Protein backbone atom coordinates (compact mmCIF):
# COMPACT_ATOMS: atom_id res chain seq x y z
CA MET A 1 94.38 111.66 93.62
CA SER A 2 92.20 112.11 96.58
CA GLY A 3 90.73 109.07 98.49
CA HIS A 4 92.14 106.14 100.64
CA SER A 5 95.44 104.81 99.33
CA LYS A 6 94.90 101.47 97.40
CA TRP A 7 98.36 100.22 98.37
CA ALA A 8 97.94 101.17 102.16
CA ASN A 9 94.99 98.75 101.91
CA ILE A 10 97.17 96.23 99.78
CA LYS A 11 100.10 96.30 102.48
CA HIS A 12 97.28 95.21 104.85
CA LYS A 13 95.94 92.76 102.70
CA LYS A 14 99.16 90.88 102.05
CA GLY A 15 101.22 91.81 105.38
CA LYS A 16 100.68 88.83 107.42
CA ALA A 17 101.37 86.40 104.07
CA ASP A 18 104.01 88.05 102.77
CA ALA A 19 105.89 88.01 106.42
CA VAL A 20 106.27 84.27 105.65
CA ARG A 21 108.19 84.02 102.25
CA GLY A 22 107.64 80.17 101.96
CA LYS A 23 103.71 80.41 101.91
CA ILE A 24 103.45 83.38 99.57
CA PHE A 25 106.12 81.19 97.21
CA THR A 26 104.17 78.24 97.66
CA LYS A 27 100.70 80.43 96.77
CA ILE A 28 102.66 81.75 93.61
CA GLY A 29 103.49 77.98 92.83
CA ARG A 30 99.75 77.34 92.77
CA GLU A 31 99.08 80.16 90.27
CA ILE A 32 101.74 79.17 87.98
CA ALA A 33 100.31 75.83 88.23
CA ILE A 34 96.72 77.29 86.84
CA ALA A 35 98.59 79.26 84.46
CA VAL A 36 100.50 76.41 83.12
CA ARG A 37 97.45 73.93 82.54
CA GLU A 38 95.57 76.83 80.78
CA GLY A 39 98.21 78.13 78.29
CA GLY A 40 101.20 75.81 78.41
CA GLY A 41 104.74 76.59 80.16
CA ASP A 42 106.00 79.40 77.67
CA PRO A 43 105.55 82.89 79.04
CA ALA A 44 106.16 84.45 75.45
CA VAL A 45 102.92 82.50 74.21
CA ASN A 46 101.04 82.48 77.83
CA SER A 47 100.21 86.13 79.03
CA LYS A 48 98.43 85.00 82.02
CA LEU A 49 101.87 82.89 82.78
CA HIS A 50 103.75 86.03 82.14
CA ASP A 51 101.68 87.95 84.65
CA VAL A 52 102.38 85.46 87.33
CA ILE A 53 106.00 85.57 87.02
CA ALA A 54 105.86 89.50 87.22
CA LYS A 55 104.20 88.80 90.36
CA ALA A 56 106.68 86.46 91.63
CA LYS A 57 109.32 88.78 90.63
CA ALA A 58 107.55 91.57 92.45
CA ASN A 59 107.75 89.34 95.77
CA ASN A 60 111.55 88.55 95.36
CA MET A 61 110.77 84.97 94.08
CA PRO A 62 114.30 84.01 92.89
CA GLY A 63 114.56 82.98 89.00
CA ASP A 64 115.51 79.34 89.78
CA ASN A 65 112.65 78.98 92.02
CA ILE A 66 110.27 80.55 89.00
CA ALA A 67 111.90 78.00 86.74
CA ARG A 68 111.41 74.96 89.38
CA SER A 69 107.86 76.05 89.67
CA ILE A 70 107.13 76.01 85.79
CA LYS A 71 108.61 72.70 85.38
CA LYS A 72 106.84 71.28 88.46
CA ALA A 73 103.62 72.38 87.54
CA ALA A 74 103.91 70.75 83.95
CA GLY A 75 104.92 67.51 85.79
CA GLU A 76 102.14 67.66 88.43
CA LEU A 77 99.35 68.54 85.86
CA GLY A 78 98.46 64.63 85.78
CA THR A 79 98.09 64.17 89.27
CA VAL A 80 97.10 67.50 91.24
CA ASN A 81 93.74 68.97 89.83
CA TYR A 82 93.73 72.35 90.96
CA GLU A 83 90.59 74.89 90.32
CA GLU A 84 89.90 78.55 90.67
CA ILE A 85 86.99 79.29 92.97
CA ILE A 86 85.77 82.72 94.24
CA TYR A 87 83.98 83.13 97.62
CA GLU A 88 82.18 86.45 98.18
CA GLY A 89 80.69 87.75 101.80
CA TYR A 90 80.51 90.26 104.17
CA ALA A 91 82.71 90.96 107.52
CA PRO A 92 81.46 92.75 110.15
CA GLY A 93 80.16 96.45 109.63
CA GLY A 94 79.06 95.51 106.03
CA VAL A 95 82.72 95.35 104.46
CA ALA A 96 82.35 93.31 101.24
CA VAL A 97 84.98 90.61 101.14
CA ILE A 98 86.05 88.84 97.98
CA VAL A 99 88.43 85.61 98.81
CA GLU A 100 90.21 84.16 95.51
CA ILE A 101 91.30 80.28 95.85
CA VAL A 102 93.26 77.71 94.18
CA THR A 103 92.23 74.53 95.52
CA ASP A 104 92.62 70.70 94.90
CA ASN A 105 89.97 70.02 97.22
CA ARG A 106 86.57 72.01 97.10
CA ASN A 107 84.54 70.87 99.75
CA ARG A 108 87.37 71.00 102.49
CA THR A 109 88.08 74.81 101.37
CA ALA A 110 84.34 75.72 101.24
CA SER A 111 84.02 74.49 104.78
CA ASP A 112 87.23 76.13 106.01
CA VAL A 113 85.88 79.53 104.29
CA ARG A 114 82.58 79.27 105.91
CA HIS A 115 83.95 78.72 109.42
CA ILE A 116 86.26 81.58 109.41
CA PHE A 117 83.49 84.05 108.17
CA ASP A 118 81.27 82.86 111.02
CA LYS A 119 83.77 82.87 113.55
CA CYS A 120 84.76 86.29 112.97
CA GLY A 121 80.93 87.45 112.75
CA GLY A 122 80.88 87.53 108.88
CA SER A 123 78.47 85.95 106.53
CA LEU A 124 79.42 83.95 103.59
CA GLY A 125 77.19 85.18 100.30
CA THR A 126 76.57 83.90 97.04
CA THR A 127 77.98 84.42 93.60
CA ASN A 128 78.05 88.40 92.94
CA SER A 129 76.64 89.05 96.21
CA VAL A 130 79.84 91.57 96.39
CA GLY A 131 81.35 91.20 93.22
CA TYR A 132 79.54 94.12 91.12
CA MET A 133 81.08 96.49 94.18
CA PHE A 134 84.74 95.91 92.82
CA ASP A 135 86.31 96.88 89.43
CA ARG A 136 88.74 94.43 87.91
CA LYS A 137 92.19 96.55 87.47
CA GLY A 138 95.85 96.11 86.90
CA MET A 139 97.92 97.52 89.46
CA LEU A 140 101.54 98.46 89.63
CA VAL A 141 103.02 99.92 92.59
CA ILE A 142 106.43 101.29 91.99
CA GLU A 143 108.85 102.75 94.89
CA ARG A 144 109.23 106.41 94.62
CA LYS A 145 113.20 107.25 94.39
CA PRO A 146 115.09 110.49 95.06
CA GLY A 147 114.32 112.67 92.30
CA MET A 148 111.39 110.70 90.80
CA THR A 149 108.74 113.40 90.21
CA GLU A 150 104.88 112.68 89.80
CA ASP A 151 104.87 114.58 86.34
CA ASP A 152 107.51 112.63 84.81
CA MET A 153 105.92 109.12 86.38
CA MET A 154 102.57 110.54 84.85
CA LEU A 155 103.83 110.99 81.43
CA MET A 156 105.64 107.72 81.48
CA ALA A 157 102.62 105.84 82.77
CA MET A 158 100.26 107.42 80.47
CA ASP A 159 102.59 107.09 77.46
CA ALA A 160 102.68 103.08 78.48
CA GLY A 161 99.10 103.15 78.35
CA ALA A 162 98.08 103.36 82.12
CA ASP A 163 94.47 104.52 83.15
CA ASP A 164 95.51 106.53 86.18
CA ILE A 165 98.38 107.15 88.77
CA GLU A 166 98.40 108.17 92.46
CA SER A 167 101.23 109.27 94.33
CA SER A 168 102.50 109.45 97.97
CA ASP A 169 105.80 109.82 99.83
CA ASP A 170 107.06 106.51 99.18
CA THR A 171 105.07 105.22 96.37
CA PHE A 172 103.33 105.56 92.83
CA GLU A 173 100.41 103.27 92.33
CA ILE A 174 99.39 102.76 88.49
CA THR A 175 96.32 101.58 87.29
CA THR A 176 95.35 100.02 84.00
CA ASP A 177 92.51 98.25 82.12
CA PRO A 178 93.23 94.50 82.51
CA ALA A 179 93.69 94.02 79.01
CA ASP A 180 96.50 96.78 79.09
CA PHE A 181 98.21 95.58 82.40
CA SER A 182 100.83 93.26 80.56
CA ALA A 183 101.84 95.87 78.07
CA VAL A 184 101.84 98.68 80.76
CA ARG A 185 103.90 96.64 82.78
CA THR A 186 106.54 95.75 80.07
CA GLU A 187 106.85 98.66 78.94
CA LEU A 188 107.59 100.02 82.56
CA GLU A 189 110.17 97.45 83.06
CA LYS A 190 112.36 98.55 80.14
CA GLN A 191 112.59 101.95 82.03
CA ASN A 192 113.73 99.85 85.18
CA MET A 193 110.99 100.88 87.29
CA PRO A 194 111.58 99.38 90.81
CA PHE A 195 107.85 97.39 91.31
CA LEU A 196 106.75 96.84 94.83
CA SER A 197 103.86 94.84 93.16
CA ALA A 198 102.74 94.18 90.08
CA GLU A 199 99.42 91.92 89.58
CA LEU A 200 95.84 92.15 88.57
CA THR A 201 93.62 93.01 91.41
CA ARG A 202 90.22 94.32 92.45
CA VAL A 203 89.68 97.72 93.29
CA PRO A 204 86.42 98.81 95.41
CA GLN A 205 84.22 101.26 93.81
CA ASN A 206 83.87 102.80 97.24
CA TRP A 207 85.26 102.36 100.59
CA ILE A 208 83.58 101.56 103.71
CA ASP A 209 85.13 103.89 107.10
CA VAL A 210 85.68 101.41 109.92
CA ASP A 211 86.70 103.17 112.82
CA ASN A 212 84.98 101.19 115.67
CA GLN A 213 87.69 99.46 117.13
CA GLU A 214 85.66 95.94 117.81
CA THR A 215 84.71 96.00 114.18
CA VAL A 216 88.24 96.94 112.90
CA ASP A 217 89.67 94.05 115.14
CA SER A 218 86.99 91.71 113.46
CA VAL A 219 87.59 92.68 110.11
CA ARG A 220 91.69 92.50 110.59
CA LYS A 221 91.06 88.97 112.45
CA LEU A 222 88.91 87.80 109.41
CA ILE A 223 90.99 88.98 106.89
CA GLU A 224 94.11 87.41 108.40
CA MET A 225 92.74 84.02 108.86
CA LEU A 226 91.78 83.72 105.46
CA GLU A 227 95.35 84.81 104.50
CA ASP A 228 96.72 82.07 106.56
CA MET A 229 94.77 79.47 104.52
CA ASP A 230 97.08 77.85 101.65
CA ASP A 231 94.48 77.86 99.43
CA VAL A 232 93.72 81.51 99.29
CA MET A 233 95.44 83.41 96.96
CA ASN A 234 94.13 86.79 97.29
CA VAL A 235 91.63 88.62 99.60
CA TYR A 236 89.81 91.84 98.71
CA HIS A 237 87.67 94.31 100.59
CA ASN A 238 86.18 97.55 100.87
CA ALA A 239 87.09 98.63 104.56
CA ALA A 240 89.06 101.89 104.77
CA LEU A 241 90.88 100.65 108.25
CA PRO A 242 93.06 103.10 110.32
CA GLU A 243 96.85 102.11 109.77
CA GLU A 244 98.19 99.48 112.35
CA PRO A 245 100.66 100.78 114.63
CA ASP A 246 104.24 99.40 113.75
CA GLU A 247 105.27 96.73 115.54
CA GLU A 248 108.19 96.67 117.81
CA ASP A 249 110.55 93.67 118.90
């Protein structure tokens, strides 16, 4: 149970993009397009689409929007050729960064990603230059309601097939093997668990403590600029950043 909270880092990772609801819905729509292209529009037989739909629901995407995105994806397949690309590199301070992309223009996206790394004092690397530092995991973050004990959640999660669980005052962070993610999520859905997040993710094997303020600011700027790109689906890093102060209006 020790170590840096994965959810705390994910909250930073996702924060700025998720503040713009239309942007995250657009990005999920692209993920739906990829899933439909690979396995069709029926989530009952397309596990990847099933997982993306779960992610959409965790981000409060309305069911009508999800259904429209599936139909739109099926209709766009002949004219829009999305492809998935992974970029790897380093942010200032030796922080490892992985960027998951869905784009219809590889050259444009490569140029934009390289520009952001350069602008923020980082460097873009080659394939698997940092990927080996991360483990692919399923992660489900559940809101901790009054009366929910760690023992009860541990038993429920392990019975469902989870690998591990970490708890905080506000959340339970459940990790799974990628192959077991869908089954664990489905089982916990049956228990009406309140999901804050449900998706396949990349978890650092080790965290790098970043406490120099200039480096912290540079790392945050790089992450936020990447997340602002329409083509970027996810940004993962191994920086243990200090918590940002709450913004006041």
